[in-house]
Protein backbone atom coordinates (compact mmCIF):
# COMPACT_ATOMS: atom_id res chain seq x y z
CA MET A 1 -10.84 -179.86 40.56
CA HIS A 2 -13.69 -176.78 40.99
CA ARG A 3 -10.32 -175.16 43.27
CA ILE A 4 -8.54 -174.86 40.93
CA VAL A 5 -11.30 -172.84 38.45
CA GLY A 6 -12.11 -171.26 41.19
CA ILE A 7 -8.00 -169.81 41.59
CA ALA A 8 -7.81 -169.57 37.96
CA VAL A 9 -10.76 -167.11 37.84
CA LEU A 10 -9.41 -165.35 41.25
CA VAL A 11 -6.37 -164.79 39.21
CA GLY A 12 -8.11 -163.67 36.06
CA VAL A 13 -10.26 -160.64 37.60
CA PHE A 14 -6.90 -159.97 39.67
CA PHE A 15 -5.17 -159.26 35.58
CA ALA A 16 -8.26 -157.75 34.24
CA PHE A 17 -8.14 -155.24 37.07
CA LEU A 18 -4.25 -153.77 36.33
CA PRO A 19 -3.03 -150.71 34.19
CA SER A 20 -2.59 -151.52 31.20
CA ASP A 21 1.00 -150.25 31.23
CA LEU A 22 1.88 -152.92 33.98
CA GLY A 23 3.41 -155.79 32.79
CA ALA A 24 6.78 -158.39 32.39
CA SER A 25 9.05 -154.98 32.43
CA GLY A 26 8.74 -155.65 36.55
CA GLY A 27 5.44 -153.10 37.04
CA SER A 28 7.12 -150.32 36.69
CA SER A 29 4.41 -148.12 35.20
CA MET A 30 7.33 -146.28 33.67
CA PRO A 31 6.28 -145.56 29.60
CA ARG A 32 8.13 -148.42 27.36
CA SER A 33 8.25 -145.91 24.26
CA GLY A 34 10.85 -143.81 26.11
CA GLY A 35 9.08 -140.75 25.82
CA SER A 36 7.38 -138.98 28.66
CA SER A 37 5.42 -140.28 31.83
CA SER A 38 2.31 -141.42 31.54
CA MET A 39 1.61 -139.78 35.15
CA PRO A 40 0.12 -136.24 34.32
CA SER A 41 1.42 -133.08 35.20
CA ALA A 42 0.27 -130.38 37.49
CA PRO A 43 -2.15 -128.02 35.26
CA ARG A 44 -0.52 -124.53 34.72
CA LYS A 45 -1.99 -121.54 37.02
CA THR A 46 -3.61 -119.48 35.16
CA PRO A 47 -1.88 -115.98 35.42
CA GLU A 48 -5.39 -114.66 38.01
CA GLU A 49 -4.40 -118.21 39.76
CA GLN A 50 -1.18 -116.98 40.53
CA ALA A 51 -2.30 -113.42 41.04
CA VAL A 52 -4.53 -114.69 44.38
CA ASP A 53 -1.60 -117.20 45.25
CA HIS A 54 1.14 -114.04 45.70
CA TYR A 55 -1.90 -111.94 47.03
CA ASN A 56 -2.69 -114.64 50.08
CA ALA A 57 1.22 -114.80 50.56
CA GLY A 58 1.69 -110.31 50.97
CA LEU A 59 -1.58 -110.90 53.78
CA LYS A 60 0.60 -113.12 56.23
CA MET A 61 2.88 -111.06 55.80
CA ARG A 62 1.46 -107.89 56.15
CA ASP A 63 -0.82 -109.44 59.36
CA LYS A 64 3.08 -110.70 60.30
CA ALA A 65 4.39 -106.94 60.54
CA LEU A 66 1.12 -105.81 61.72
CA ALA A 67 1.62 -108.14 64.33
CA PHE A 68 5.47 -106.85 64.63
CA GLN A 69 3.59 -103.40 65.06
CA LYS A 70 0.85 -103.90 67.64
CA GLU A 71 3.95 -105.74 69.72
CA ALA A 72 5.88 -103.39 69.11
CA ALA A 73 3.34 -100.41 70.96
CA GLN A 74 3.26 -102.93 73.86
CA VAL A 75 6.96 -103.53 74.89
CA GLY A 76 8.52 -100.93 76.96
CA SER A 77 12.40 -100.72 76.00
CA GLU A 78 12.73 -98.13 72.95
CA LYS A 79 15.72 -100.82 71.85
CA ASP A 80 13.16 -104.10 72.39
CA ARG A 81 10.51 -101.16 70.04
CA SER A 82 12.82 -100.69 67.55
CA LYS A 83 14.08 -104.21 66.65
CA LEU A 84 10.71 -104.89 66.31
CA GLU A 85 9.19 -101.94 64.19
CA ASN A 86 12.33 -103.17 61.90
CA LYS A 87 10.88 -106.54 61.96
CA ALA A 88 7.53 -105.61 60.50
CA GLN A 89 9.13 -102.83 58.23
CA LYS A 90 10.72 -105.62 56.05
CA GLU A 91 7.67 -107.89 56.11
CA PHE A 92 5.31 -104.64 54.42
CA GLY A 93 8.28 -104.98 52.12
CA LYS A 94 8.13 -108.66 51.51
CA ALA A 95 3.94 -107.62 51.48
CA ILE A 96 4.31 -104.97 48.78
CA SER A 97 6.20 -107.26 46.47
CA GLN A 98 3.88 -109.79 46.59
CA PHE A 99 0.66 -107.26 46.06
CA ARG A 100 2.69 -105.52 43.14
CA THR A 101 3.49 -109.70 41.33
CA ALA A 102 -0.49 -109.99 42.18
CA THR A 103 -1.50 -106.32 40.44
CA GLU A 104 1.34 -107.43 37.25
CA LYS A 105 -0.28 -110.40 37.29
CA ASN A 106 -4.46 -109.81 37.05
CA PRO A 107 -3.97 -105.74 36.92
CA LYS A 108 -7.88 -106.14 37.74
CA PHE A 109 -7.68 -107.62 40.88
CA HIS A 110 -8.43 -104.33 42.40
CA GLN A 111 -7.76 -105.80 46.60
CA ALA A 112 -4.35 -106.69 45.73
CA TYR A 113 -5.00 -103.13 44.78
CA SER A 114 -6.00 -102.08 48.10
CA ASP A 115 -3.63 -103.48 50.44
CA LEU A 116 -0.80 -102.36 48.27
CA GLY A 117 -1.35 -99.25 49.11
CA PHE A 118 -2.72 -100.47 52.81
CA ALA A 119 1.14 -101.65 52.32
CA LEU A 120 3.11 -99.05 51.55
CA ARG A 121 1.57 -96.20 54.02
CA LYS A 122 3.06 -98.10 56.62
CA THR A 123 5.15 -98.25 55.21
CA GLY A 124 5.65 -94.47 54.82
CA ASP A 125 5.93 -94.26 50.91
CA TYR A 126 2.40 -92.13 50.51
CA ALA A 127 2.67 -90.44 47.65
CA ALA A 128 2.81 -94.48 45.70
CA ALA A 129 -0.04 -95.09 48.59
CA LEU A 130 -2.28 -93.44 46.46
């Protein structure tokens, strides 16, 4: 008799800790009303947070471009040097796009403007860099 009571208590405790939307529906956590999911959606990022994401992406591209330039300075053949310089220019172009997007999302983001100017200077667009 004590064993049956103990099992009943354990079963009661088990069901007490189950989420309220689980039930006879086979354990699905989908809402029964046909509405939207009960899972909260990821919070939307503010424009400032989006700007930081674009800025950080631009930094990675800028650093990759600088690495290509450094490698180009150390290779012997002109063909290899030219190839690496072209890769660097493409990466600087991608970085410029990211930095511009960052400044559009947050016009007060002075670091993005600074790195935008740097990347523009490295591509030879001195007027835009200023």
